[in-house]
Amino acid sequence: ADGPEYLNVNVWTPDPGGAGLPVMVWIPGGAFVRGANSIPLYDGSAFA
């Protein structure tokens, strides 16, 4: 998906009003020429 603001993050959380939850930061692969945080396989809902 084209656009200037491609250096972005997605955040999935069980409780934006909570505190002290463990955090995982996902770095997508793709041979350093492909990859995105928007690929459906990387949906963070189950972690949240």
All heavy atoms as atom14 arrays in JSON, in Angstrom:
{
  "sequence": "ADGPEYLNVNVWTPDPGGAGLPVMVWIPGGAFVRGANSIPLYDGSAFA",
  "atom14_mask": [
    [1, 1, 1, 1, 1, 0, 0, 0, 0, 0, 0, 0, 0, 0],
    [1, 1, 1, 1, 1, 1, 1, 1, 0, 0, 0, 0, 0, 0],
    [1, 1, 1, 1, 0, 0, 0, 0, 0, 0, 0, 0, 0, 0],
    [1, 1, 1, 1, 1, 1, 1, 0, 0, 0, 0, 0, 0, 0],
    [1, 1, 1, 1, 1, 1, 1, 1, 1, 0, 0, 0, 0, 0],
    [1, 1, 1, 1, 1, 1, 1, 1, 1, 1, 1, 1, 0, 0],
    [1, 1, 1, 1, 1, 1, 1, 1, 0, 0, 0, 0, 0, 0],
    [1, 1, 1, 1, 1, 1, 1, 1, 0, 0, 0, 0, 0, 0],
    [1, 1, 1, 1, 1, 1, 1, 0, 0, 0, 0, 0, 0, 0],
    [1, 1, 1, 1, 1, 1, 1, 1, 0, 0, 0, 0, 0, 0],
    [1, 1, 1, 1, 1, 1, 1, 0, 0, 0, 0, 0, 0, 0],
    [1, 1, 1, 1, 1, 1, 1, 1, 1, 1, 1, 1, 1, 1],
    [1, 1, 1, 1, 1, 1, 1, 0, 0, 0, 0, 0, 0, 0],
    [1, 1, 1, 1, 1, 1, 1, 0, 0, 0, 0, 0, 0, 0],
    [1, 1, 1, 1, 1, 1, 1, 1, 0, 0, 0, 0, 0, 0],
    [1, 1, 1, 1, 1, 1, 1, 0, 0, 0, 0, 0, 0, 0],
    [1, 1, 1, 1, 0, 0, 0, 0, 0, 0, 0, 0, 0, 0],
    [1, 1, 1, 1, 0, 0, 0, 0, 0, 0, 0, 0, 0, 0],
    [1, 1, 1, 1, 1, 0, 0, 0, 0, 0, 0, 0, 0, 0],
    [1, 1, 1, 1, 0, 0, 0, 0, 0, 0, 0, 0, 0, 0],
    [1, 1, 1, 1, 1, 1, 1, 1, 0, 0, 0, 0, 0, 0],
    [1, 1, 1, 1, 1, 1, 1, 0, 0, 0, 0, 0, 0, 0],
    [1, 1, 1, 1, 1, 1, 1, 0, 0, 0, 0, 0, 0, 0],
    [1, 1, 1, 1, 1, 1, 1, 1, 0, 0, 0, 0, 0, 0],
    [1, 1, 1, 1, 1, 1, 1, 0, 0, 0, 0, 0, 0, 0],
    [1, 1, 1, 1, 1, 1, 1, 1, 1, 1, 1, 1, 1, 1],
    [1, 1, 1, 1, 1, 1, 1, 1, 0, 0, 0, 0, 0, 0],
    [1, 1, 1, 1, 1, 1, 1, 0, 0, 0, 0, 0, 0, 0],
    [1, 1, 1, 1, 0, 0, 0, 0, 0, 0, 0, 0, 0, 0],
    [1, 1, 1, 1, 0, 0, 0, 0, 0, 0, 0, 0, 0, 0],
    [1, 1, 1, 1, 1, 0, 0, 0, 0, 0, 0, 0, 0, 0],
    [1, 1, 1, 1, 1, 1, 1, 1, 1, 1, 1, 0, 0, 0],
    [1, 1, 1, 1, 1, 1, 1, 0, 0, 0, 0, 0, 0, 0],
    [1, 1, 1, 1, 1, 1, 1, 1, 1, 1, 1, 0, 0, 0],
    [1, 1, 1, 1, 0, 0, 0, 0, 0, 0, 0, 0, 0, 0],
    [1, 1, 1, 1, 1, 0, 0, 0, 0, 0, 0, 0, 0, 0],
    [1, 1, 1, 1, 1, 1, 1, 1, 0, 0, 0, 0, 0, 0],
    [1, 1, 1, 1, 1, 1, 0, 0, 0, 0, 0, 0, 0, 0],
    [1, 1, 1, 1, 1, 1, 1, 1, 0, 0, 0, 0, 0, 0],
    [1, 1, 1, 1, 1, 1, 1, 0, 0, 0, 0, 0, 0, 0],
    [1, 1, 1, 1, 1, 1, 1, 1, 0, 0, 0, 0, 0, 0],
    [1, 1, 1, 1, 1, 1, 1, 1, 1, 1, 1, 1, 0, 0],
    [1, 1, 1, 1, 1, 1, 1, 1, 0, 0, 0, 0, 0, 0],
    [1, 1, 1, 1, 0, 0, 0, 0, 0, 0, 0, 0, 0, 0],
    [1, 1, 1, 1, 1, 1, 0, 0, 0, 0, 0, 0, 0, 0],
    [1, 1, 1, 1, 1, 0, 0, 0, 0, 0, 0, 0, 0, 0],
    [1, 1, 1, 1, 1, 1, 1, 1, 1, 1, 1, 0, 0, 0],
    [1, 1, 1, 1, 1, 0, 0, 0, 0, 0, 0, 0, 0, 0]
  ],
  "atom14_positions": [
    [[0.85, -1.19, 0.0], [0.0, 0.0, 0.0], [0.88, 1.23, 0.0], [1.68, 1.43, 0.92], [-0.92, 0.01, 1.22], [0.0, 0.0, 0.0], [0.0, 0.0, 0.0], [0.0, 0.0, 0.0], [0.0, 0.0, 0.0], [0.0, 0.0, 0.0], [0.0, 0.0, 0.0], [0.0, 0.0, 0.0], [0.0, 0.0, 0.0], [0.0, 0.0, 0.0]],
    [[0.76, 2.05, -1.03], [1.58, 3.25, -1.14], [1.12, 4.32, -0.16], [-0.04, 4.38, 0.23], [1.5, 3.81, -2.56], [2.16, 2.89, -3.58], [3.07, 2.14, -3.18], [1.76, 2.92, -4.76], [0.0, 0.0, 0.0], [0.0, 0.0, 0.0], [0.0, 0.0, 0.0], [0.0, 0.0, 0.0], [0.0, 0.0, 0.0], [0.0, 0.0, 0.0]],
    [[2.06, 5.18, 0.21], [1.75, 6.31, 1.07], [2.99, 6.76, 1.8], [3.9, 5.96, 2.05], [0.0, 0.0, 0.0], [0.0, 0.0, 0.0], [0.0, 0.0, 0.0], [0.0, 0.0, 0.0], [0.0, 0.0, 0.0], [0.0, 0.0, 0.0], [0.0, 0.0, 0.0], [0.0, 0.0, 0.0], [0.0, 0.0, 0.0], [0.0, 0.0, 0.0]],
    [[3.06, 8.04, 2.15], [4.29, 8.56, 2.76], [4.53, 8.09, 4.19], [5.68, 8.0, 4.62], [4.09, 10.08, 2.71], [2.61, 10.27, 2.66], [2.07, 9.11, 1.9], [0.0, 0.0, 0.0], [0.0, 0.0, 0.0], [0.0, 0.0, 0.0], [0.0, 0.0, 0.0], [0.0, 0.0, 0.0], [0.0, 0.0, 0.0], [0.0, 0.0, 0.0]],
    [[3.47, 7.78, 4.95], [3.64, 7.44, 6.37], [3.75, 5.93, 6.57], [3.04, 5.33, 7.37], [2.48, 8.02, 7.18], [2.48, 9.54, 7.21], [1.36, 10.1, 8.05], [0.23, 9.59, 7.98], [1.61, 11.08, 8.79], [0.0, 0.0, 0.0], [0.0, 0.0, 0.0], [0.0, 0.0, 0.0], [0.0, 0.0, 0.0], [0.0, 0.0, 0.0]],
    [[4.69, 5.33, 5.85], [4.83, 3.88, 5.93], [5.65, 3.44, 7.13], [5.64, 2.25, 7.5], [5.4, 3.31, 4.64], [6.77, 3.82, 4.26], [7.93, 3.24, 4.78], [6.92, 4.87, 3.36], [9.19, 3.69, 4.42], [8.18, 5.34, 3.0], [9.3, 4.74, 3.53], [10.56, 5.19, 3.17], [0.0, 0.0, 0.0], [0.0, 0.0, 0.0]],
    [[6.36, 4.34, 7.78], [7.08, 3.99, 9.01], [6.09, 4.12, 10.17], [6.05, 5.1, 10.89], [8.3, 4.89, 9.2], [9.39, 4.73, 8.13], [10.56, 5.67, 8.4], [9.87, 3.29, 8.05], [0.0, 0.0, 0.0], [0.0, 0.0, 0.0], [0.0, 0.0, 0.0], [0.0, 0.0, 0.0], [0.0, 0.0, 0.0], [0.0, 0.0, 0.0]],
    [[5.27, 3.07, 10.29], [4.18, 3.1, 11.26], [4.14, 1.83, 12.09], [4.82, 0.85, 11.78], [2.83, 3.33, 10.54], [2.5, 2.21, 9.56], [2.32, 1.07, 9.93], [2.4, 2.57, 8.28], [0.0, 0.0, 0.0], [0.0, 0.0, 0.0], [0.0, 0.0, 0.0], [0.0, 0.0, 0.0], [0.0, 0.0, 0.0], [0.0, 0.0, 0.0]],
    [[3.39, 1.88, 13.16], [3.2, 0.72, 14.04], [1.71, 0.42, 14.16], [0.86, 1.3, 14.04], [3.79, 0.96, 15.45], [5.29, 1.17, 15.38], [3.11, 2.12, 16.14], [0.0, 0.0, 0.0], [0.0, 0.0, 0.0], [0.0, 0.0, 0.0], [0.0, 0.0, 0.0], [0.0, 0.0, 0.0], [0.0, 0.0, 0.0], [0.0, 0.0, 0.0]],
    [[1.42, -0.85, 14.4], [0.09, -1.29, 14.81], [0.17, -1.79, 16.25], [1.16, -2.44, 16.62], [-0.42, -2.44, 13.93], [-0.51, -2.06, 12.47], [-0.81, -0.92, 12.13], [-0.26, -3.02, 11.58], [0.0, 0.0, 0.0], [0.0, 0.0, 0.0], [0.0, 0.0, 0.0], [0.0, 0.0, 0.0], [0.0, 0.0, 0.0], [0.0, 0.0, 0.0]],
    [[-0.84, -1.49, 17.05], [-0.86, -1.91, 18.45], [-2.17, -2.61, 18.74], [-3.25, -2.06, 18.46], [-0.7, -0.71, 19.41], [-0.64, -1.19, 20.86], [0.56, 0.1, 19.07], [0.0, 0.0, 0.0], [0.0, 0.0, 0.0], [0.0, 0.0, 0.0], [0.0, 0.0, 0.0], [0.0, 0.0, 0.0], [0.0, 0.0, 0.0], [0.0, 0.0, 0.0]],
    [[-2.08, -3.82, 19.28], [-3.25, -4.54, 19.76], [-3.12, -4.68, 21.28], [-2.06, -5.09, 21.78], [-3.34, -5.93, 19.15], [-3.73, -5.98, 17.71], [-4.98, -6.16, 17.2], [-2.84, -5.92, 16.57], [-4.94, -6.19, 15.81], [-3.65, -6.04, 15.4], [-1.46, -5.74, 16.42], [-3.11, -6.02, 14.12], [-0.92, -5.71, 15.14], [-1.74, -5.85, 14.0]],
    [[-4.15, -4.33, 22.01], [-4.07, -4.38, 23.46], [-5.37, -4.91, 24.06], [-6.46, -4.65, 23.54], [-3.77, -2.98, 24.05], [-3.79, -3.05, 25.47], [-4.79, -1.95, 23.6], [0.0, 0.0, 0.0], [0.0, 0.0, 0.0], [0.0, 0.0, 0.0], [0.0, 0.0, 0.0], [0.0, 0.0, 0.0], [0.0, 0.0, 0.0], [0.0, 0.0, 0.0]],
    [[-5.27, -5.64, 25.18], [-6.49, -6.07, 25.87], [-7.11, -4.96, 26.69], [-8.3, -5.02, 27.03], [-6.01, -7.2, 26.76], [-4.57, -6.88, 27.03], [-4.06, -6.22, 25.78], [0.0, 0.0, 0.0], [0.0, 0.0, 0.0], [0.0, 0.0, 0.0], [0.0, 0.0, 0.0], [0.0, 0.0, 0.0], [0.0, 0.0, 0.0], [0.0, 0.0, 0.0]],
    [[-6.3, -3.93, 27.03], [-6.81, -2.91, 27.95], [-5.98, -1.64, 27.84], [-4.96, -1.49, 28.52], [-6.77, -3.44, 29.38], [-7.39, -2.48, 30.38], [-7.95, -1.45, 29.94], [-7.31, -2.75, 31.59], [0.0, 0.0, 0.0], [0.0, 0.0, 0.0], [0.0, 0.0, 0.0], [0.0, 0.0, 0.0], [0.0, 0.0, 0.0], [0.0, 0.0, 0.0]],
    [[-6.4, -0.68, 26.98], [-5.63, 0.56, 26.89], [-5.64, 1.38, 28.17], [-4.81, 2.29, 28.32], [-6.33, 1.31, 25.74], [-7.67, 0.69, 25.62], [-7.54, -0.72, 26.06], [0.0, 0.0, 0.0], [0.0, 0.0, 0.0], [0.0, 0.0, 0.0], [0.0, 0.0, 0.0], [0.0, 0.0, 0.0], [0.0, 0.0, 0.0], [0.0, 0.0, 0.0]],
    [[-6.52, 1.04, 29.09], [-6.53, 1.73, 30.37], [-5.79, 0.99, 31.46], [-5.76, 1.43, 32.61], [0.0, 0.0, 0.0], [0.0, 0.0, 0.0], [0.0, 0.0, 0.0], [0.0, 0.0, 0.0], [0.0, 0.0, 0.0], [0.0, 0.0, 0.0], [0.0, 0.0, 0.0], [0.0, 0.0, 0.0], [0.0, 0.0, 0.0], [0.0, 0.0, 0.0]],
    [[-5.17, -0.15, 31.1], [-4.49, -0.97, 32.08], [-3.06, -0.53, 32.31], [-2.64, 0.56, 31.91], [0.0, 0.0, 0.0], [0.0, 0.0, 0.0], [0.0, 0.0, 0.0], [0.0, 0.0, 0.0], [0.0, 0.0, 0.0], [0.0, 0.0, 0.0], [0.0, 0.0, 0.0], [0.0, 0.0, 0.0], [0.0, 0.0, 0.0], [0.0, 0.0, 0.0]],
    [[-2.3, -1.43, 32.94], [-0.89, -1.13, 33.22], [-0.15, -2.43, 33.48], [-0.73, -3.42, 33.94], [-0.77, -0.22, 34.44], [0.0, 0.0, 0.0], [0.0, 0.0, 0.0], [0.0, 0.0, 0.0], [0.0, 0.0, 0.0], [0.0, 0.0, 0.0], [0.0, 0.0, 0.0], [0.0, 0.0, 0.0], [0.0, 0.0, 0.0], [0.0, 0.0, 0.0]],
    [[1.14, -2.42, 33.17], [2.01, -3.54, 33.53], [1.9, -4.77, 32.68], [2.41, -5.84, 33.05], [0.0, 0.0, 0.0], [0.0, 0.0, 0.0], [0.0, 0.0, 0.0], [0.0, 0.0, 0.0], [0.0, 0.0, 0.0], [0.0, 0.0, 0.0], [0.0, 0.0, 0.0], [0.0, 0.0, 0.0], [0.0, 0.0, 0.0], [0.0, 0.0, 0.0]],
    [[1.26, -4.69, 31.5], [1.12, -5.87, 30.65], [2.42, -6.14, 29.89], [3.12, -5.21, 29.48], [-0.01, -5.66, 29.64], [-1.42, -5.51, 30.22], [-2.4, -5.1, 29.12], [-1.86, -6.82, 30.87], [0.0, 0.0, 0.0], [0.0, 0.0, 0.0], [0.0, 0.0, 0.0], [0.0, 0.0, 0.0], [0.0, 0.0, 0.0], [0.0, 0.0, 0.0]],
    [[2.75, -7.43, 29.67], [3.92, -7.73, 28.84], [3.71, -7.22, 27.42], [2.59, -7.17, 26.91], [4.01, -9.25, 28.89], [2.66, -9.73, 29.29], [2.07, -8.65, 30.14], [0.0, 0.0, 0.0], [0.0, 0.0, 0.0], [0.0, 0.0, 0.0], [0.0, 0.0, 0.0], [0.0, 0.0, 0.0], [0.0, 0.0, 0.0], [0.0, 0.0, 0.0]],
    [[4.81, -6.86, 26.77], [4.78, -6.27, 25.43], [5.61, -7.13, 24.49], [6.69, -7.6, 24.86], [5.35, -4.83, 25.45], [5.35, -4.22, 24.06], [4.59, -3.97, 26.45], [0.0, 0.0, 0.0], [0.0, 0.0, 0.0], [0.0, 0.0, 0.0], [0.0, 0.0, 0.0], [0.0, 0.0, 0.0], [0.0, 0.0, 0.0], [0.0, 0.0, 0.0]],
    [[5.1, -7.35, 23.29], [5.87, -8.03, 22.24], [5.91, -7.12, 21.02], [4.89, -6.56, 20.61], [5.25, -9.38, 21.89], [5.18, -10.34, 23.05], [4.61, -12.01, 22.59], [6.08, -12.67, 21.76], [0.0, 0.0, 0.0], [0.0, 0.0, 0.0], [0.0, 0.0, 0.0], [0.0, 0.0, 0.0], [0.0, 0.0, 0.0], [0.0, 0.0, 0.0]],
    [[7.1, -6.96, 20.46], [7.29, -6.12, 19.27], [7.69, -7.03, 18.11], [8.74, -7.68, 18.15], [8.37, -5.04, 19.5], [8.57, -4.22, 18.22], [7.98, -4.14, 20.66], [0.0, 0.0, 0.0], [0.0, 0.0, 0.0], [0.0, 0.0, 0.0], [0.0, 0.0, 0.0], [0.0, 0.0, 0.0], [0.0, 0.0, 0.0], [0.0, 0.0, 0.0]],
    [[6.82, -7.06, 17.09], [7.0, -7.95, 15.94], [7.74, -7.24, 14.81], [7.34, -6.15, 14.38], [5.65, -8.45, 15.45], [5.69, -9.24, 14.17], [5.17, -8.88, 12.97], [6.3, -10.53, 13.99], [5.41, -9.88, 12.04], [6.1, -10.89, 12.64], [6.99, -11.4, 14.83], [6.57, -12.09, 12.1], [7.46, -12.6, 14.31], [7.24, -12.94, 12.97]],
    [[8.81, -7.9, 14.32], [9.59, -7.39, 13.19], [9.35, -8.33, 12.01], [9.85, -9.46, 12.01], [11.09, -7.32, 13.54], [11.31, -6.49, 14.81], [11.88, -6.73, 12.37], [12.74, -6.5, 15.31], [0.0, 0.0, 0.0], [0.0, 0.0, 0.0], [0.0, 0.0, 0.0], [0.0, 0.0, 0.0], [0.0, 0.0, 0.0], [0.0, 0.0, 0.0]],
    [[8.59, -7.93, 11.01], [8.26, -8.84, 9.9], [9.48, -9.19, 9.07], [10.44, -8.42, 8.96], [7.25, -8.03, 9.06], [6.8, -6.91, 9.93], [7.94, -6.62, 10.87], [0.0, 0.0, 0.0], [0.0, 0.0, 0.0], [0.0, 0.0, 0.0], [0.0, 0.0, 0.0], [0.0, 0.0, 0.0], [0.0, 0.0, 0.0], [0.0, 0.0, 0.0]],
    [[9.42, -10.37, 8.45], [10.45, -10.8, 7.52], [10.03, -10.58, 6.08], [8.98, -10.01, 5.79], [0.0, 0.0, 0.0], [0.0, 0.0, 0.0], [0.0, 0.0, 0.0], [0.0, 0.0, 0.0], [0.0, 0.0, 0.0], [0.0, 0.0, 0.0], [0.0, 0.0, 0.0], [0.0, 0.0, 0.0], [0.0, 0.0, 0.0], [0.0, 0.0, 0.0]],
    [[10.87, -11.07, 5.15], [10.62, -10.89, 3.74], [11.89, -10.63, 2.96], [11.9, -9.89, 1.98], [0.0, 0.0, 0.0], [0.0, 0.0, 0.0], [0.0, 0.0, 0.0], [0.0, 0.0, 0.0], [0.0, 0.0, 0.0], [0.0, 0.0, 0.0], [0.0, 0.0, 0.0], [0.0, 0.0, 0.0], [0.0, 0.0, 0.0], [0.0, 0.0, 0.0]],
    [[13.0, -11.24, 3.4], [14.3, -11.14, 2.72], [14.81, -9.7, 2.64], [15.6, -9.37, 1.76], [14.24, -11.76, 1.31], [0.0, 0.0, 0.0], [0.0, 0.0, 0.0], [0.0, 0.0, 0.0], [0.0, 0.0, 0.0], [0.0, 0.0, 0.0], [0.0, 0.0, 0.0], [0.0, 0.0, 0.0], [0.0, 0.0, 0.0], [0.0, 0.0, 0.0]],
    [[14.35, -8.85, 3.53], [14.73, -7.43, 3.58], [14.28, -6.66, 2.34], [14.72, -5.53, 2.12], [16.24, -7.25, 3.79], [16.73, -7.71, 5.14], [17.44, -8.9, 5.27], [16.46, -6.98, 6.28], [17.89, -9.33, 6.52], [16.91, -7.4, 7.53], [17.61, -8.58, 7.65], [0.0, 0.0, 0.0], [0.0, 0.0, 0.0], [0.0, 0.0, 0.0]],
    [[13.4, -7.24, 1.53], [12.82, -6.51, 0.39], [11.3, -6.54, 0.41], [10.65, -5.82, -0.36], [13.32, -7.07, -0.97], [14.8, -6.81, -1.14], [12.99, -8.54, -1.13], [0.0, 0.0, 0.0], [0.0, 0.0, 0.0], [0.0, 0.0, 0.0], [0.0, 0.0, 0.0], [0.0, 0.0, 0.0], [0.0, 0.0, 0.0], [0.0, 0.0, 0.0]],
    [[10.71, -7.35, 1.27], [9.26, -7.41, 1.41], [8.92, -7.52, 2.9], [9.78, -7.81, 3.72], [8.68, -8.61, 0.66], [8.83, -8.52, -0.84], [8.21, -9.7, -1.57], [8.32, -9.51, -3.01], [9.37, -9.87, -3.73], [10.4, -10.46, -3.14], [9.4, -9.65, -5.03], [0.0, 0.0, 0.0], [0.0, 0.0, 0.0], [0.0, 0.0, 0.0]],
    [[7.65, -7.33, 3.22], [7.18, -7.49, 4.58], [6.45, -6.27, 5.08], [6.8, -5.14, 4.72], [0.0, 0.0, 0.0], [0.0, 0.0, 0.0], [0.0, 0.0, 0.0], [0.0, 0.0, 0.0], [0.0, 0.0, 0.0], [0.0, 0.0, 0.0], [0.0, 0.0, 0.0], [0.0, 0.0, 0.0], [0.0, 0.0, 0.0], [0.0, 0.0, 0.0]],
    [[5.43, -6.52, 5.9], [4.63, -5.42, 6.43], [3.89, -5.88, 7.67], [3.53, -7.05, 7.81], [3.62, -4.93, 5.37], [0.0, 0.0, 0.0], [0.0, 0.0, 0.0], [0.0, 0.0, 0.0], [0.0, 0.0, 0.0], [0.0, 0.0, 0.0], [0.0, 0.0, 0.0], [0.0, 0.0, 0.0], [0.0, 0.0, 0.0], [0.0, 0.0, 0.0]],
    [[3.61, -4.93, 8.56], [2.86, -5.24, 9.77], [1.38, -5.44, 9.51], [0.62, -5.79, 10.42], [3.07, -4.15, 10.82], [2.68, -2.76, 10.34], [2.06, -2.6, 9.3], [3.04, -1.75, 11.12], [0.0, 0.0, 0.0], [0.0, 0.0, 0.0], [0.0, 0.0, 0.0], [0.0, 0.0, 0.0], [0.0, 0.0, 0.0], [0.0, 0.0, 0.0]],
    [[0.94, -5.22, 8.28], [-0.48, -5.35, 7.92], [-0.83, -6.69, 7.3], [-1.99, -6.9, 6.91], [-0.86, -4.22, 6.96], [0.08, -4.11, 5.9], [0.0, 0.0, 0.0], [0.0, 0.0, 0.0], [0.0, 0.0, 0.0], [0.0, 0.0, 0.0], [0.0, 0.0, 0.0], [0.0, 0.0, 0.0], [0.0, 0.0, 0.0], [0.0, 0.0, 0.0]],
    [[0.11, -7.59, 7.19], [-0.19, -8.93, 6.64], [-1.12, -9.66, 7.61], [-0.87, -9.68, 8.83], [1.12, -9.71, 6.41], [1.89, -9.07, 5.24], [0.87, -11.18, 6.15], [3.26, -9.66, 5.0], [0.0, 0.0, 0.0], [0.0, 0.0, 0.0], [0.0, 0.0, 0.0], [0.0, 0.0, 0.0], [0.0, 0.0, 0.0], [0.0, 0.0, 0.0]],
    [[-2.2, -10.27, 7.12], [-3.19, -10.88, 8.03], [-2.63, -11.93, 8.97], [-3.16, -12.11, 10.07], [-4.22, -11.47, 7.06], [-4.12, -10.63, 5.83], [-2.66, -10.27, 5.72], [0.0, 0.0, 0.0], [0.0, 0.0, 0.0], [0.0, 0.0, 0.0], [0.0, 0.0, 0.0], [0.0, 0.0, 0.0], [0.0, 0.0, 0.0], [0.0, 0.0, 0.0]],
    [[-1.58, -12.63, 8.55], [-0.99, -13.64, 9.44], [-0.48, -13.02, 10.73], [-0.36, -13.71, 11.75], [0.18, -14.35, 8.75], [-0.12, -15.2, 7.51], [1.15, -15.84, 7.01], [-1.17, -16.25, 7.82], [0.0, 0.0, 0.0], [0.0, 0.0, 0.0], [0.0, 0.0, 0.0], [0.0, 0.0, 0.0], [0.0, 0.0, 0.0], [0.0, 0.0, 0.0]],
    [[-0.17, -11.72, 10.71], [0.45, -11.05, 11.85], [-0.57, -10.29, 12.7], [-0.17, -9.43, 13.51], [1.52, -10.06, 11.37], [2.57, -10.63, 10.45], [3.23, -9.81, 9.54], [2.9, -11.98, 10.47], [4.21, -10.31, 8.7], [3.87, -12.49, 9.62], [4.52, -11.65, 8.72], [5.48, -12.15, 7.88], [0.0, 0.0, 0.0], [0.0, 0.0, 0.0]],
    [[-1.83, -10.58, 12.54], [-2.84, -9.94, 13.38], [-2.54, -10.25, 14.85], [-2.36, -11.4, 15.24], [-4.23, -10.46, 13.01], [-5.34, -9.73, 13.73], [-5.45, -9.91, 14.96], [-6.09, -8.99, 13.08], [0.0, 0.0, 0.0], [0.0, 0.0, 0.0], [0.0, 0.0, 0.0], [0.0, 0.0, 0.0], [0.0, 0.0, 0.0], [0.0, 0.0, 0.0]],
    [[-2.48, -9.2, 15.67], [-2.09, -9.37, 17.07], [-3.22, -9.65, 18.02], [-3.0, -9.65, 19.25], [0.0, 0.0, 0.0], [0.0, 0.0, 0.0], [0.0, 0.0, 0.0], [0.0, 0.0, 0.0], [0.0, 0.0, 0.0], [0.0, 0.0, 0.0], [0.0, 0.0, 0.0], [0.0, 0.0, 0.0], [0.0, 0.0, 0.0], [0.0, 0.0, 0.0]],
    [[-4.42, -9.92, 17.5], [-5.58, -10.07, 18.38], [-5.43, -11.21, 19.38], [-5.83, -11.08, 20.54], [-6.84, -10.27, 17.54], [-7.11, -9.13, 16.75], [0.0, 0.0, 0.0], [0.0, 0.0, 0.0], [0.0, 0.0, 0.0], [0.0, 0.0, 0.0], [0.0, 0.0, 0.0], [0.0, 0.0, 0.0], [0.0, 0.0, 0.0], [0.0, 0.0, 0.0]],
    [[-4.86, -12.34, 18.93], [-4.74, -13.47, 19.85], [-3.76, -13.16, 20.98], [-3.97, -13.59, 22.12], [-4.3, -14.73, 19.09], [0.0, 0.0, 0.0], [0.0, 0.0, 0.0], [0.0, 0.0, 0.0], [0.0, 0.0, 0.0], [0.0, 0.0, 0.0], [0.0, 0.0, 0.0], [0.0, 0.0, 0.0], [0.0, 0.0, 0.0], [0.0, 0.0, 0.0]],
    [[-2.7, -12.43, 20.68], [-1.78, -12.04, 21.75], [-2.47, -11.12, 22.74], [-2.35, -11.28, 23.97], [-0.53, -11.37, 21.17], [0.48, -12.35, 20.64], [0.66, -12.52, 19.29], [1.25, -13.1, 21.52], [1.59, -13.43, 18.8], [2.19, -14.01, 21.04], [2.36, -14.18, 19.68], [0.0, 0.0, 0.0], [0.0, 0.0, 0.0], [0.0, 0.0, 0.0]],
    [[-3.24, -10.14, 22.22], [-3.96, -9.24, 23.12], [-5.0, -10.01, 23.93], [-5.18, -9.76, 25.13], [-4.61, -8.13, 22.32], [0.0, 0.0, 0.0], [0.0, 0.0, 0.0], [0.0, 0.0, 0.0], [0.0, 0.0, 0.0], [0.0, 0.0, 0.0], [0.0, 0.0, 0.0], [0.0, 0.0, 0.0], [0.0, 0.0, 0.0], [0.0, 0.0, 0.0]]
  ]
}
